[in-house]
Amino acid sequence: MNAPQKKNLPAKERRNVTVEAVVDLAGSTNPDSITTAAIAKHMNLTQGALFRHFPNKEAIWQAVMKWVAERLMARIDKASEGIESPLETIQAMFLAHVAFVSEHPGAPRMMFGELQGSKTTPAKRMARTMLKKYAARLNDLIEAGKARGELRADLDSEAAATLFIGTIQGLAMQSLIAGDMSHMAEDAPRVFAIYRRGIIAEFEGEKGE
């Protein structure tokens, strides 16, 4: 379904609407096959109108990666706000991340597409930077959890952060293959429970038994 045309929008809002249209389009279309003509058609615009706000397709893709990074981190920040426990913060991040991807299936498709590409584009560099910062944030939380005795003292923080991200990516891929992103939200609590059992301190595990 084509997005309704919105006239006389400020430039910044028009760019945001364009980015959201691309993410929406990527939810049902291979990102590699999305052309500026397809984006313009989806938005009921001309390509000329599209290029008044973006000089080229590469600029659109870079804006999409920025949109994904900012919206995802904002969702995670909100979900973890006020939580003191590093372990509970990690769980809140996991569920918030899954919820975001479930609501915006085009986001992981765009991310995977950029990271798998052979060319080093601005969008690909932005995706890598986001993942690096995300992993660093997780690593800090895991270290804090170890210091508080919530997580195993011998836990490999870097590996645990990698597994956290990889688990979400795996859920996303399986849901995309199944063609039903609601599977992610349904499976996430059970999947995280397994991950949690692998990282918690022994006494924490005993309390849950």
C-alpha atoms as a PDB file:
ATOM      1  CA  MET A   1       0.000   0.000   0.000  1.00  0.00           C
ATOM      2  CA  ASN A   2       1.325   3.410  -0.959  1.00  0.00           C
ATOM      3  CA  ALA A   3       1.895   5.967   1.763  1.00  0.00           C
ATOM      4  CA  PRO A   4      -0.443   8.978   1.603  1.00  0.00           C
ATOM      5  CA  GLN A   5       1.129  12.100   0.171  1.00  0.00           C
ATOM      6  CA  LYS A   6       1.704  14.906   2.642  1.00  0.00           C
ATOM      7  CA  LYS A   7       2.096  18.320   1.109  1.00  0.00           C
ATOM      8  CA  ASN A   8       3.840  21.415   2.382  1.00  0.00           C
ATOM      9  CA  LEU A   9       5.841  19.626   5.057  1.00  0.00           C
ATOM     10  CA  PRO A  10       8.965  21.305   6.473  1.00  0.00           C
ATOM     11  CA  ALA A  11      12.190  19.928   4.964  1.00  0.00           C
ATOM     12  CA  LYS A  12      13.215  18.010   8.094  1.00  0.00           C
ATOM     13  CA  GLU A  13       9.800  16.406   8.444  1.00  0.00           C
ATOM     14  CA  ARG A  14       9.744  15.528   4.753  1.00  0.00           C
ATOM     15  CA  ARG A  15      13.114  13.768   5.153  1.00  0.00           C
ATOM     16  CA  ASN A  16      11.787  11.836   8.151  1.00  0.00           C
ATOM     17  CA  VAL A  17       8.667  10.824   6.244  1.00  0.00           C
ATOM     18  CA  THR A  18      10.865   9.610   3.387  1.00  0.00           C
ATOM     19  CA  VAL A  19      13.047   7.558   5.716  1.00  0.00           C
ATOM     20  CA  GLU A  20      10.003   6.001   7.375  1.00  0.00           C
ATOM     21  CA  ALA A  21       8.608   5.165   3.940  1.00  0.00           C
ATOM     22  CA  VAL A  22      11.849   3.366   3.014  1.00  0.00           C
ATOM     23  CA  VAL A  23      11.814   1.354   6.261  1.00  0.00           C
ATOM     24  CA  ASP A  24       8.170   0.466   5.610  1.00  0.00           C
ATOM     25  CA  LEU A  25       8.956  -0.531   2.030  1.00  0.00           C
ATOM     26  CA  ALA A  26      11.926  -2.645   3.138  1.00  0.00           C
ATOM     27  CA  GLY A  27       9.595  -4.633   5.367  1.00  0.00           C
ATOM     28  CA  SER A  28       8.107  -6.312   2.291  1.00  0.00           C
ATOM     29  CA  THR A  29      10.730  -5.693  -0.397  1.00  0.00           C
ATOM     30  CA  ASN A  30      14.354  -6.742  -0.789  1.00  0.00           C
ATOM     31  CA  PRO A  31      16.308  -3.573   0.112  1.00  0.00           C
ATOM     32  CA  ASP A  32      18.694  -4.182  -2.809  1.00  0.00           C
ATOM     33  CA  SER A  33      15.790  -3.840  -5.226  1.00  0.00           C
ATOM     34  CA  ILE A  34      14.404  -0.614  -3.756  1.00  0.00           C
ATOM     35  CA  THR A  35      14.984   2.205  -6.232  1.00  0.00           C
ATOM     36  CA  THR A  36      14.355   5.904  -5.860  1.00  0.00           C
ATOM     37  CA  ALA A  37      11.513   5.444  -8.349  1.00  0.00           C
ATOM     38  CA  ALA A  38       9.956   2.803  -6.067  1.00  0.00           C
ATOM     39  CA  ILE A  39      10.332   5.082  -3.040  1.00  0.00           C
ATOM     40  CA  ALA A  40       8.718   7.996  -4.882  1.00  0.00           C
ATOM     41  CA  LYS A  41       5.848   5.772  -6.041  1.00  0.00           C
ATOM     42  CA  HIS A  42       5.350   4.439  -2.507  1.00  0.00           C
ATOM     43  CA  MET A  43       5.056   8.019  -1.274  1.00  0.00           C
ATOM     44  CA  ASN A  44       2.928   9.242  -4.208  1.00  0.00           C
ATOM     45  CA  LEU A  45       5.686  11.679  -5.144  1.00  0.00           C
ATOM     46  CA  THR A  46       7.831  12.336  -8.189  1.00  0.00           C
ATOM     47  CA  GLN A  47      11.525  11.484  -8.115  1.00  0.00           C
ATOM     48  CA  GLY A  48      12.198  15.189  -8.536  1.00  0.00           C
ATOM     49  CA  ALA A  49      10.372  15.908  -5.291  1.00  0.00           C
ATOM     50  CA  LEU A  50      12.365  13.173  -3.570  1.00  0.00           C
ATOM     51  CA  PHE A  51      15.698  14.571  -4.748  1.00  0.00           C
ATOM     52  CA  ARG A  52      14.862  18.003  -3.393  1.00  0.00           C
ATOM     53  CA  HIS A  53      15.569  16.555   0.048  1.00  0.00           C
ATOM     54  CA  PHE A  54      18.215  13.924  -0.740  1.00  0.00           C
ATOM     55  CA  PRO A  55      20.962  14.335  -3.363  1.00  0.00           C
ATOM     56  CA  ASN A  56      21.063  10.600  -4.154  1.00  0.00           C
ATOM     57  CA  LYS A  57      20.025   7.119  -3.022  1.00  0.00           C
ATOM     58  CA  GLU A  58      23.162   6.749  -0.886  1.00  0.00           C
ATOM     59  CA  ALA A  59      22.111   9.772   1.174  1.00  0.00           C
ATOM     60  CA  ILE A  60      18.693   8.196   1.732  1.00  0.00           C
ATOM     61  CA  TRP A  61      20.275   4.944   2.939  1.00  0.00           C
ATOM     62  CA  GLN A  62      22.549   6.847   5.304  1.00  0.00           C
ATOM     63  CA  ALA A  63      19.536   8.699   6.718  1.00  0.00           C
ATOM     64  CA  VAL A  64      17.743   5.371   7.162  1.00  0.00           C
ATOM     65  CA  MET A  65      20.638   3.935   9.183  1.00  0.00           C
ATOM     66  CA  LYS A  66      20.675   7.079  11.340  1.00  0.00           C
ATOM     67  CA  TRP A  67      16.904   6.790  11.874  1.00  0.00           C
ATOM     68  CA  VAL A  68      17.193   3.137  12.899  1.00  0.00           C
ATOM     69  CA  ALA A  69      20.070   3.841  15.301  1.00  0.00           C
ATOM     70  CA  GLU A  70      18.366   6.809  16.962  1.00  0.00           C
ATOM     71  CA  ARG A  71      14.934   5.177  17.273  1.00  0.00           C
ATOM     72  CA  LEU A  72      16.324   1.883  18.533  1.00  0.00           C
ATOM     73  CA  MET A  73      18.528   3.483  21.174  1.00  0.00           C
ATOM     74  CA  ALA A  74      15.693   5.769  22.275  1.00  0.00           C
ATOM     75  CA  ARG A  75      13.460   2.711  22.718  1.00  0.00           C
ATOM     76  CA  ILE A  76      16.151   0.952  24.738  1.00  0.00           C
ATOM     77  CA  ASP A  77      16.833   4.030  26.879  1.00  0.00           C
ATOM     78  CA  LYS A  78      13.145   4.362  27.712  1.00  0.00           C
ATOM     79  CA  ALA A  79      12.776   0.666  28.549  1.00  0.00           C
ATOM     80  CA  SER A  80      15.774   0.649  30.884  1.00  0.00           C
ATOM     81  CA  GLU A  81      15.075   3.990  32.556  1.00  0.00           C
ATOM     82  CA  GLY A  82      15.086   3.787  36.345  1.00  0.00           C
ATOM     83  CA  ILE A  83      16.321   0.188  36.516  1.00  0.00           C
ATOM     84  CA  GLU A  84      19.275  -0.162  38.881  1.00  0.00           C
ATOM     85  CA  SER A  85      20.046  -3.833  38.340  1.00  0.00           C
ATOM     86  CA  PRO A  86      22.415  -4.421  35.372  1.00  0.00           C
ATOM     87  CA  LEU A  87      20.844  -7.850  34.796  1.00  0.00           C
ATOM     88  CA  GLU A  88      17.316  -6.448  34.685  1.00  0.00           C
ATOM     89  CA  THR A  89      18.551  -3.631  32.433  1.00  0.00           C
ATOM     90  CA  ILE A  90      19.979  -6.180  30.016  1.00  0.00           C
ATOM     91  CA  GLN A  91      16.650  -7.995  29.955  1.00  0.00           C
ATOM     92  CA  ALA A  92      14.738  -4.747  29.366  1.00  0.00           C
ATOM     93  CA  MET A  93      17.100  -3.910  26.492  1.00  0.00           C
ATOM     94  CA  PHE A  94      16.591  -7.331  24.933  1.00  0.00           C
ATOM     95  CA  LEU A  95      12.796  -7.142  25.009  1.00  0.00           C
ATOM     96  CA  ALA A  96      12.748  -3.517  23.832  1.00  0.00           C
ATOM     97  CA  HIS A  97      15.077  -4.311  20.940  1.00  0.00           C
ATOM     98  CA  VAL A  98      12.930  -7.261  19.895  1.00  0.00           C
ATOM     99  CA  ALA A  99       9.778  -5.125  20.100  1.00  0.00           C
ATOM    100  CA  PHE A 100      11.361  -2.455  17.901  1.00  0.00           C
ATOM    101  CA  VAL A 101      12.428  -4.949  15.240  1.00  0.00           C
ATOM    102  CA  SER A 102       9.035  -6.658  15.365  1.00  0.00           C
ATOM    103  CA  GLU A 103       7.331  -3.319  14.709  1.00  0.00           C
ATOM    104  CA  HIS A 104       9.817  -2.271  12.017  1.00  0.00           C
ATOM    105  CA  PRO A 105      10.807  -5.418  10.058  1.00  0.00           C
ATOM    106  CA  GLY A 106      12.376  -3.242   7.398  1.00  0.00           C
ATOM    107  CA  ALA A 107      15.021  -2.098   9.895  1.00  0.00           C
ATOM    108  CA  PRO A 108      16.890  -5.439  10.206  1.00  0.00           C
ATOM    109  CA  ARG A 109      16.514  -6.072   6.481  1.00  0.00           C
ATOM    110  CA  MET A 110      18.186  -2.730   5.747  1.00  0.00           C
ATOM    111  CA  MET A 111      20.862  -3.384   8.372  1.00  0.00           C
ATOM    112  CA  PHE A 112      21.675  -6.887   7.127  1.00  0.00           C
ATOM    113  CA  GLY A 113      21.709  -5.657   3.546  1.00  0.00           C
ATOM    114  CA  GLU A 114      24.223  -2.920   4.297  1.00  0.00           C
ATOM    115  CA  LEU A 115      26.520  -5.074   6.431  1.00  0.00           C
ATOM    116  CA  GLN A 116      26.580  -7.870   3.844  1.00  0.00           C
ATOM    117  CA  GLY A 117      27.433  -5.535   0.970  1.00  0.00           C
ATOM    118  CA  SER A 118      30.963  -5.567  -0.403  1.00  0.00           C
ATOM    119  CA  LYS A 119      31.191  -1.768  -0.675  1.00  0.00           C
ATOM    120  CA  THR A 120      32.048   0.401   2.308  1.00  0.00           C
ATOM    121  CA  THR A 121      29.312   3.021   2.138  1.00  0.00           C
ATOM    122  CA  PRO A 122      28.481   5.781   4.627  1.00  0.00           C
ATOM    123  CA  ALA A 123      25.386   3.764   5.606  1.00  0.00           C
ATOM    124  CA  LYS A 124      27.499   0.655   6.210  1.00  0.00           C
ATOM    125  CA  ARG A 125      29.973   2.604   8.345  1.00  0.00           C
ATOM    126  CA  MET A 126      27.060   3.998  10.359  1.00  0.00           C
ATOM    127  CA  ALA A 127      25.624   0.500  10.882  1.00  0.00           C
ATOM    128  CA  ARG A 128      29.007  -0.775  12.060  1.00  0.00           C
ATOM    129  CA  THR A 129      29.421   2.179  14.416  1.00  0.00           C
ATOM    130  CA  MET A 130      25.982   1.586  15.929  1.00  0.00           C
ATOM    131  CA  LEU A 131      26.711  -2.100  16.532  1.00  0.00           C
ATOM    132  CA  LYS A 132      30.087  -1.250  18.054  1.00  0.00           C
ATOM    133  CA  LYS A 133      28.548   1.267  20.476  1.00  0.00           C
ATOM    134  CA  TYR A 134      25.744  -1.149  21.310  1.00  0.00           C
ATOM    135  CA  ALA A 135      28.234  -3.913  22.104  1.00  0.00           C
ATOM    136  CA  ALA A 136      30.287  -1.516  24.250  1.00  0.00           C
ATOM    137  CA  ARG A 137      27.190  -0.553  26.209  1.00  0.00           C
ATOM    138  CA  LEU A 138      26.333  -4.195  26.792  1.00  0.00           C
ATOM    139  CA  ASN A 139      29.895  -4.932  27.829  1.00  0.00           C
ATOM    140  CA  ASP A 140      29.754  -2.154  30.450  1.00  0.00           C
ATOM    141  CA  LEU A 141      26.459  -3.498  31.798  1.00  0.00           C
ATOM    142  CA  ILE A 142      27.826  -7.023  31.972  1.00  0.00           C
ATOM    143  CA  GLU A 143      30.913  -5.825  33.826  1.00  0.00           C
ATOM    144  CA  ALA A 144      28.663  -3.912  36.240  1.00  0.00           C
ATOM    145  CA  GLY A 145      26.580  -7.035  36.745  1.00  0.00           C
ATOM    146  CA  LYS A 146      29.707  -9.032  37.572  1.00  0.00           C
ATOM    147  CA  ALA A 147      30.821  -6.366  40.046  1.00  0.00           C
ATOM    148  CA  ARG A 148      27.424  -6.515  41.796  1.00  0.00           C
ATOM    149  CA  GLY A 149      27.483 -10.291  41.960  1.00  0.00           C
ATOM    150  CA  GLU A 150      24.486 -10.673  39.637  1.00  0.00           C
ATOM    151  CA  LEU A 151      26.479 -12.266  36.845  1.00  0.00           C
ATOM    152  CA  ARG A 152      29.122 -14.984  36.881  1.00  0.00           C
ATOM    153  CA  ALA A 153      32.530 -13.673  37.850  1.00  0.00           C
ATOM    154  CA  ASP A 154      34.179 -15.767  35.118  1.00  0.00           C
ATOM    155  CA  LEU A 155      31.773 -14.580  32.427  1.00  0.00           C
ATOM    156  CA  ASP A 156      33.430 -13.504  29.165  1.00  0.00           C
ATOM    157  CA  SER A 157      31.826 -10.072  28.816  1.00  0.00           C
ATOM    158  CA  GLU A 158      32.726  -9.595  25.168  1.00  0.00           C
ATOM    159  CA  ALA A 159      31.392 -13.005  24.198  1.00  0.00           C
ATOM    160  CA  ALA A 160      28.205 -12.447  26.230  1.00  0.00           C
ATOM    161  CA  ALA A 161      27.599  -9.131  24.444  1.00  0.00           C
ATOM    162  CA  THR A 162      28.180 -10.775  21.073  1.00  0.00           C
ATOM    163  CA  LEU A 163      25.755 -13.580  21.935  1.00  0.00           C
ATOM    164  CA  PHE A 164      23.122 -11.049  23.065  1.00  0.00           C
ATOM    165  CA  ILE A 165      23.217  -9.245  19.718  1.00  0.00           C
ATOM    166  CA  GLY A 166      23.484 -12.482  17.758  1.00  0.00           C
ATOM    167  CA  THR A 167      20.453 -13.931  19.528  1.00  0.00           C
ATOM    168  CA  ILE A 168      18.299 -10.972  18.510  1.00  0.00           C
ATOM    169  CA  GLN A 169      19.624 -11.171  14.954  1.00  0.00           C
ATOM    170  CA  GLY A 170      18.801 -14.865  14.883  1.00  0.00           C
ATOM    171  CA  LEU A 171      15.253 -14.229  16.080  1.00  0.00           C
ATOM    172  CA  ALA A 172      14.855 -11.554  13.422  1.00  0.00           C
ATOM    173  CA  MET A 173      16.115 -13.826  10.641  1.00  0.00           C
ATOM    174  CA  GLN A 174      13.822 -16.687  11.668  1.00  0.00           C
ATOM    175  CA  SER A 175      10.813 -14.373  11.816  1.00  0.00           C
ATOM    176  CA  LEU A 176      11.652 -12.863   8.432  1.00  0.00           C
ATOM    177  CA  ILE A 177      11.946 -16.340   6.927  1.00  0.00           C
ATOM    178  CA  ALA A 178       8.628 -17.325   8.494  1.00  0.00           C
ATOM    179  CA  GLY A 179       7.057 -14.128   7.195  1.00  0.00           C
ATOM    180  CA  ASP A 180       5.596 -13.306  10.595  1.00  0.00           C
ATOM    181  CA  MET A 181       7.476 -10.856  12.808  1.00  0.00           C
ATOM    182  CA  SER A 182       5.078 -11.469  15.691  1.00  0.00           C
ATOM    183  CA  HIS A 183       7.052 -14.676  16.333  1.00  0.00           C
ATOM    184  CA  MET A 184       9.877 -12.540  17.685  1.00  0.00           C
ATOM    185  CA  ALA A 185       7.846 -10.950  20.445  1.00  0.00           C
ATOM    186  CA  GLU A 186       6.291 -14.304  21.339  1.00  0.00           C
ATOM    187  CA  ASP A 187       9.611 -16.159  21.508  1.00  0.00           C
ATOM    188  CA  ALA A 188      11.732 -13.402  23.081  1.00  0.00           C
ATOM    189  CA  PRO A 189      10.938 -14.020  26.791  1.00  0.00           C
ATOM    190  CA  ARG A 190      11.623 -17.756  26.514  1.00  0.00           C
ATOM    191  CA  VAL A 191      14.798 -17.210  24.516  1.00  0.00           C
ATOM    192  CA  PHE A 192      16.104 -14.597  26.940  1.00  0.00           C
ATOM    193  CA  ALA A 193      15.399 -16.947  29.854  1.00  0.00           C
ATOM    194  CA  ILE A 194      17.902 -19.397  28.351  1.00  0.00           C
ATOM    195  CA  TYR A 195      20.456 -16.627  27.786  1.00  0.00           C
ATOM    196  CA  ARG A 196      19.931 -15.393  31.339  1.00  0.00           C
ATOM    197  CA  ARG A 197      20.571 -18.851  32.795  1.00  0.00           C
ATOM    198  CA  GLY A 198      23.938 -18.875  31.086  1.00  0.00           C
ATOM    199  CA  ILE A 199      25.188 -15.566  32.481  1.00  0.00           C
ATOM    200  CA  ILE A 200      23.783 -15.265  35.999  1.00  0.00           C
ATOM    201  CA  ALA A 201      25.779 -15.932  39.140  1.00  0.00           C
ATOM    202  CA  GLU A 202      25.196 -19.330  40.708  1.00  0.00           C
ATOM    203  CA  PHE A 203      23.251 -17.997  43.692  1.00  0.00           C
ATOM    204  CA  GLU A 204      20.923 -16.077  41.342  1.00  0.00           C
ATOM    205  CA  GLY A 205      20.162 -19.293  39.494  1.00  0.00           C
ATOM    206  CA  GLU A 206      19.426 -21.122  42.716  1.00  0.00           C
ATOM    207  CA  LYS A 207      16.926 -18.452  43.744  1.00  0.00           C
ATOM    208  CA  GLY A 208      14.931 -19.052  40.556  1.00  0.00           C
ATOM    209  CA  GLU A 209      14.719 -22.801  41.012  1.00  0.00           C
END
